[in-house]
Amino acid sequence: MLYQSFTSVKGLRNLTPQQFKSEYKGNKLIDVRESHEFKEGHIAGAINIPLSQLSKRLGEIPLDRQVYLYCRSGMRSKQAAKLLSRRGYSRLAHLRGGIMSWNGPTQ
């Protein structure tokens, strides 16, 4: 089980904060942290779809566009990418190190 948490996700791009910052604008940006974490501060333009609700809210995520994911440290966003990949999403990227590594503006 623990091994599965660290295996790579097919098609997932692991972006540095600089890469993430230069690419995410204008694309679907999803914060997969819980709502109380999101309210404490999030990247501008992000929508909050907690990992715990992701399978129920797939209709909010376009299959045909690049999807950018992040969480606190990068673990939940990687799990979210794994779930999305199994559901047919192939254009996925996540913020390596999560919002803890982010040095850009938050709201």
N, C-alpha and C. Protein backbone atom coordinates (compact mmCIF):
# COMPACT_ATOMS: atom_id res chain seq x y z
N MET A 1 0.83 -1.20 0.00
CA MET A 1 0.00 0.00 0.00
C MET A 1 0.87 1.26 0.00
N LEU A 2 1.84 1.32 0.89
CA LEU A 2 2.71 2.48 0.95
C LEU A 2 3.46 2.66 -0.36
N TYR A 3 3.88 1.55 -0.97
CA TYR A 3 4.60 1.62 -2.24
C TYR A 3 3.75 2.32 -3.30
N GLN A 4 2.44 2.01 -3.33
CA GLN A 4 1.56 2.60 -4.33
C GLN A 4 1.49 4.11 -4.20
N SER A 5 1.63 4.63 -2.99
CA SER A 5 1.58 6.08 -2.79
C SER A 5 2.74 6.79 -3.47
N PHE A 6 3.84 6.09 -3.66
CA PHE A 6 5.04 6.72 -4.20
C PHE A 6 5.33 6.36 -5.65
N THR A 7 4.53 5.46 -6.24
CA THR A 7 4.76 5.11 -7.63
C THR A 7 4.34 6.27 -8.52
N SER A 8 4.94 6.33 -9.70
CA SER A 8 4.63 7.43 -10.59
C SER A 8 3.25 7.24 -11.23
N VAL A 9 2.68 8.33 -11.64
CA VAL A 9 1.38 8.33 -12.29
C VAL A 9 1.63 8.58 -13.76
N LYS A 10 1.11 7.72 -14.60
CA LYS A 10 1.33 7.83 -16.04
C LYS A 10 0.82 9.18 -16.55
N GLY A 11 1.68 9.90 -17.21
CA GLY A 11 1.30 11.18 -17.81
C GLY A 11 1.34 12.37 -16.87
N LEU A 12 1.58 12.15 -15.58
CA LEU A 12 1.61 13.26 -14.63
C LEU A 12 2.94 14.00 -14.74
N ARG A 13 2.84 15.31 -14.92
CA ARG A 13 4.04 16.14 -14.93
C ARG A 13 4.23 16.73 -13.54
N ASN A 14 5.41 16.52 -12.97
CA ASN A 14 5.77 17.06 -11.66
C ASN A 14 6.48 18.38 -11.89
N LEU A 15 5.81 19.48 -11.58
CA LEU A 15 6.36 20.80 -11.89
C LEU A 15 6.96 21.47 -10.67
N THR A 16 8.06 22.17 -10.89
CA THR A 16 8.63 23.01 -9.86
C THR A 16 7.71 24.21 -9.67
N PRO A 17 7.84 24.94 -8.57
CA PRO A 17 7.01 26.14 -8.41
C PRO A 17 7.15 27.12 -9.59
N GLN A 18 8.35 27.28 -10.13
CA GLN A 18 8.56 28.19 -11.25
C GLN A 18 7.83 27.70 -12.50
N GLN A 19 7.92 26.41 -12.79
CA GLN A 19 7.22 25.85 -13.95
C GLN A 19 5.71 25.98 -13.78
N PHE A 20 5.25 25.64 -12.58
CA PHE A 20 3.83 25.69 -12.27
C PHE A 20 3.30 27.11 -12.47
N LYS A 21 4.03 28.08 -11.93
CA LYS A 21 3.62 29.49 -12.01
C LYS A 21 3.53 29.97 -13.46
N SER A 22 4.45 29.51 -14.30
CA SER A 22 4.45 29.99 -15.69
C SER A 22 3.40 29.28 -16.55
N GLU A 23 2.84 28.17 -16.09
CA GLU A 23 1.92 27.39 -16.91
C GLU A 23 0.45 27.41 -16.49
N TYR A 24 0.15 27.52 -15.21
CA TYR A 24 -1.22 27.24 -14.75
C TYR A 24 -2.26 28.28 -15.15
N LYS A 25 -1.89 29.51 -15.35
CA LYS A 25 -2.88 30.57 -15.61
C LYS A 25 -3.69 30.26 -16.87
N GLY A 26 -5.00 30.41 -16.74
CA GLY A 26 -5.90 30.13 -17.85
C GLY A 26 -6.30 28.67 -17.97
N ASN A 27 -5.76 27.83 -17.11
CA ASN A 27 -6.09 26.41 -17.11
C ASN A 27 -6.87 26.07 -15.84
N LYS A 28 -7.35 24.85 -15.77
CA LYS A 28 -8.09 24.40 -14.59
C LYS A 28 -7.09 24.16 -13.46
N LEU A 29 -7.21 24.92 -12.39
CA LEU A 29 -6.33 24.84 -11.23
C LEU A 29 -7.15 24.34 -10.05
N ILE A 30 -6.76 23.18 -9.52
CA ILE A 30 -7.55 22.56 -8.46
C ILE A 30 -6.70 22.35 -7.21
N ASP A 31 -7.20 22.88 -6.12
CA ASP A 31 -6.61 22.70 -4.79
C ASP A 31 -7.35 21.52 -4.18
N VAL A 32 -6.65 20.42 -3.91
CA VAL A 32 -7.31 19.21 -3.40
C VAL A 32 -7.26 19.10 -1.88
N ARG A 33 -6.87 20.20 -1.22
CA ARG A 33 -6.89 20.20 0.25
C ARG A 33 -8.33 20.32 0.73
N GLU A 34 -8.55 20.07 2.00
CA GLU A 34 -9.88 20.22 2.58
C GLU A 34 -10.26 21.69 2.62
N SER A 35 -11.55 21.97 2.70
CA SER A 35 -12.04 23.35 2.59
C SER A 35 -11.47 24.28 3.66
N HIS A 36 -11.27 23.80 4.88
CA HIS A 36 -10.71 24.67 5.92
C HIS A 36 -9.27 25.07 5.59
N GLU A 37 -8.52 24.18 4.93
CA GLU A 37 -7.16 24.51 4.51
C GLU A 37 -7.19 25.54 3.38
N PHE A 38 -8.10 25.35 2.44
CA PHE A 38 -8.26 26.25 1.30
C PHE A 38 -8.57 27.67 1.79
N LYS A 39 -9.44 27.77 2.79
CA LYS A 39 -9.83 29.08 3.32
C LYS A 39 -8.67 29.81 3.99
N GLU A 40 -7.68 29.06 4.46
CA GLU A 40 -6.52 29.66 5.11
C GLU A 40 -5.59 30.34 4.11
N GLY A 41 -5.74 30.02 2.84
CA GLY A 41 -4.92 30.62 1.79
C GLY A 41 -4.74 29.65 0.64
N HIS A 42 -4.88 30.16 -0.57
CA HIS A 42 -4.76 29.33 -1.76
C HIS A 42 -4.21 30.16 -2.92
N ILE A 43 -3.78 29.47 -3.95
CA ILE A 43 -3.25 30.13 -5.14
C ILE A 43 -4.43 30.80 -5.87
N ALA A 44 -4.23 32.05 -6.27
CA ALA A 44 -5.29 32.80 -6.96
C ALA A 44 -5.78 32.04 -8.18
N GLY A 45 -7.10 31.96 -8.32
CA GLY A 45 -7.70 31.29 -9.46
C GLY A 45 -8.02 29.82 -9.22
N ALA A 46 -7.59 29.28 -8.09
CA ALA A 46 -7.83 27.87 -7.80
C ALA A 46 -9.27 27.64 -7.35
N ILE A 47 -9.79 26.47 -7.70
CA ILE A 47 -11.05 26.04 -7.13
C ILE A 47 -10.73 24.92 -6.15
N ASN A 48 -11.58 24.77 -5.16
CA ASN A 48 -11.34 23.77 -4.13
C ASN A 48 -12.22 22.55 -4.38
N ILE A 49 -11.56 21.45 -4.72
CA ILE A 49 -12.23 20.15 -4.80
C ILE A 49 -11.39 19.21 -3.94
N PRO A 50 -11.76 19.05 -2.67
CA PRO A 50 -10.98 18.19 -1.79
C PRO A 50 -10.84 16.77 -2.33
N LEU A 51 -9.71 16.17 -2.09
CA LEU A 51 -9.47 14.80 -2.54
C LEU A 51 -10.61 13.89 -2.10
N SER A 52 -11.13 14.13 -0.91
CA SER A 52 -12.23 13.30 -0.37
C SER A 52 -13.52 13.42 -1.19
N GLN A 53 -13.65 14.45 -2.01
CA GLN A 53 -14.86 14.66 -2.82
C GLN A 53 -14.61 14.51 -4.32
N LEU A 54 -13.38 14.25 -4.69
CA LEU A 54 -12.98 14.29 -6.10
C LEU A 54 -13.81 13.37 -6.98
N SER A 55 -14.01 12.11 -6.60
CA SER A 55 -14.76 11.21 -7.48
C SER A 55 -16.20 11.64 -7.69
N LYS A 56 -16.78 12.36 -6.73
CA LYS A 56 -18.16 12.84 -6.85
C LYS A 56 -18.26 14.10 -7.68
N ARG A 57 -17.14 14.78 -7.91
CA ARG A 57 -17.18 16.09 -8.58
C ARG A 57 -16.41 16.10 -9.91
N LEU A 58 -16.27 14.94 -10.53
CA LEU A 58 -15.54 14.85 -11.79
C LEU A 58 -16.16 15.71 -12.90
N GLY A 59 -17.46 15.94 -12.83
CA GLY A 59 -18.14 16.76 -13.83
C GLY A 59 -17.63 18.20 -13.88
N GLU A 60 -16.94 18.64 -12.83
CA GLU A 60 -16.40 20.00 -12.79
C GLU A 60 -15.01 20.09 -13.43
N ILE A 61 -14.47 18.94 -13.84
CA ILE A 61 -13.11 18.91 -14.36
C ILE A 61 -13.14 18.47 -15.82
N PRO A 62 -12.74 19.35 -16.73
CA PRO A 62 -12.79 19.01 -18.17
C PRO A 62 -11.75 17.95 -18.54
N LEU A 63 -12.20 16.99 -19.33
CA LEU A 63 -11.30 15.92 -19.81
C LEU A 63 -10.34 16.42 -20.88
N ASP A 64 -10.74 17.44 -21.61
CA ASP A 64 -9.99 17.87 -22.80
C ASP A 64 -9.03 19.03 -22.54
N ARG A 65 -8.81 19.40 -21.29
CA ARG A 65 -7.91 20.51 -20.97
C ARG A 65 -6.85 20.07 -19.99
N GLN A 66 -5.78 20.81 -19.94
CA GLN A 66 -4.73 20.58 -18.96
C GLN A 66 -5.30 20.86 -17.58
N VAL A 67 -5.02 20.00 -16.62
CA VAL A 67 -5.49 20.17 -15.24
C VAL A 67 -4.27 20.27 -14.33
N TYR A 68 -4.24 21.32 -13.52
CA TYR A 68 -3.15 21.56 -12.58
C TYR A 68 -3.67 21.31 -11.17
N LEU A 69 -2.94 20.50 -10.42
CA LEU A 69 -3.35 20.09 -9.09
C LEU A 69 -2.30 20.52 -8.07
N TYR A 70 -2.76 20.83 -6.87
CA TYR A 70 -1.82 21.03 -5.77
C TYR A 70 -2.52 20.77 -4.45
N CYS A 71 -1.72 20.55 -3.43
CA CYS A 71 -2.21 20.33 -2.07
C CYS A 71 -1.21 20.99 -1.12
N ARG A 72 -1.08 20.47 0.06
CA ARG A 72 -0.15 21.06 1.02
C ARG A 72 1.30 20.69 0.69
N SER A 73 1.55 19.38 0.47
CA SER A 73 2.93 18.93 0.28
C SER A 73 3.19 18.20 -1.03
N GLY A 74 2.14 17.89 -1.77
CA GLY A 74 2.31 17.16 -3.03
C GLY A 74 1.81 15.74 -2.99
N MET A 75 1.54 15.21 -1.81
CA MET A 75 1.07 13.83 -1.70
C MET A 75 -0.38 13.67 -2.16
N ARG A 76 -1.27 14.51 -1.67
CA ARG A 76 -2.68 14.39 -2.06
C ARG A 76 -2.90 14.73 -3.52
N SER A 77 -2.15 15.70 -4.04
CA SER A 77 -2.31 16.03 -5.46
C SER A 77 -1.86 14.87 -6.34
N LYS A 78 -0.86 14.15 -5.89
CA LYS A 78 -0.41 12.97 -6.63
C LYS A 78 -1.48 11.88 -6.57
N GLN A 79 -2.12 11.71 -5.43
CA GLN A 79 -3.21 10.74 -5.30
C GLN A 79 -4.39 11.16 -6.19
N ALA A 80 -4.67 12.45 -6.21
CA ALA A 80 -5.74 12.96 -7.06
C ALA A 80 -5.43 12.68 -8.53
N ALA A 81 -4.19 12.88 -8.92
CA ALA A 81 -3.78 12.62 -10.30
C ALA A 81 -3.95 11.14 -10.64
N LYS A 82 -3.63 10.28 -9.69
CA LYS A 82 -3.78 8.84 -9.90
C LYS A 82 -5.25 8.50 -10.15
N LEU A 83 -6.14 9.07 -9.34
CA LEU A 83 -7.58 8.84 -9.50
C LEU A 83 -8.06 9.38 -10.85
N LEU A 84 -7.66 10.59 -11.18
CA LEU A 84 -8.07 11.19 -12.45
C LEU A 84 -7.53 10.40 -13.65
N SER A 85 -6.31 9.95 -13.54
CA SER A 85 -5.71 9.17 -14.62
C SER A 85 -6.51 7.89 -14.88
N ARG A 86 -6.94 7.25 -13.82
CA ARG A 86 -7.76 6.03 -13.96
C ARG A 86 -9.11 6.34 -14.58
N ARG A 87 -9.57 7.57 -14.49
CA ARG A 87 -10.86 7.98 -15.05
C ARG A 87 -10.73 8.57 -16.45
N GLY A 88 -9.55 8.49 -17.04
CA GLY A 88 -9.39 8.92 -18.42
C GLY A 88 -8.74 10.28 -18.62
N TYR A 89 -8.35 10.95 -17.55
CA TYR A 89 -7.67 12.24 -17.68
C TYR A 89 -6.20 11.98 -18.01
N SER A 90 -5.70 12.66 -19.01
CA SER A 90 -4.32 12.40 -19.43
C SER A 90 -3.44 13.66 -19.41
N ARG A 91 -4.04 14.81 -19.25
CA ARG A 91 -3.27 16.07 -19.27
C ARG A 91 -3.22 16.62 -17.85
N LEU A 92 -2.34 16.04 -17.04
CA LEU A 92 -2.28 16.35 -15.62
C LEU A 92 -0.91 16.86 -15.22
N ALA A 93 -0.90 17.82 -14.31
CA ALA A 93 0.35 18.34 -13.75
C ALA A 93 0.09 18.65 -12.28
N HIS A 94 1.13 18.53 -11.47
CA HIS A 94 0.95 18.91 -10.07
C HIS A 94 2.18 19.66 -9.58
N LEU A 95 1.95 20.44 -8.54
CA LEU A 95 2.99 21.27 -7.94
C LEU A 95 3.83 20.42 -7.00
N ARG A 96 5.05 20.14 -7.41
CA ARG A 96 5.97 19.36 -6.58
C ARG A 96 6.24 20.11 -5.28
N GLY A 97 6.00 19.46 -4.16
CA GLY A 97 6.19 20.09 -2.87
C GLY A 97 4.97 20.84 -2.37
N GLY A 98 3.91 20.89 -3.19
CA GLY A 98 2.65 21.51 -2.79
C GLY A 98 2.78 23.00 -2.50
N ILE A 99 1.76 23.52 -1.84
CA ILE A 99 1.73 24.96 -1.55
C ILE A 99 2.85 25.35 -0.59
N MET A 100 3.39 24.37 0.14
CA MET A 100 4.53 24.67 1.03
C MET A 100 5.75 25.12 0.23
N SER A 101 5.84 24.70 -1.04
CA SER A 101 6.98 25.10 -1.86
C SER A 101 6.68 26.35 -2.70
N TRP A 102 5.43 26.79 -2.68
CA TRP A 102 4.96 27.91 -3.50
C TRP A 102 5.53 29.23 -2.98
N ASN A 103 6.05 30.04 -3.89
CA ASN A 103 6.56 31.35 -3.50
C ASN A 103 5.84 32.48 -4.21
N GLY A 104 4.71 32.15 -4.82
CA GLY A 104 3.91 33.15 -5.51
C GLY A 104 2.80 33.68 -4.61
N PRO A 105 1.97 34.54 -5.17
CA PRO A 105 0.88 35.14 -4.37
C PRO A 105 -0.20 34.12 -4.02
N THR A 106 -0.82 34.35 -2.89
CA THR A 106 -1.98 33.54 -2.46
C THR A 106 -3.08 34.50 -2.05
N GLN A 107 -4.28 33.96 -1.93
CA GLN A 107 -5.38 34.78 -1.45
C GLN A 107 -5.99 34.12 -0.24
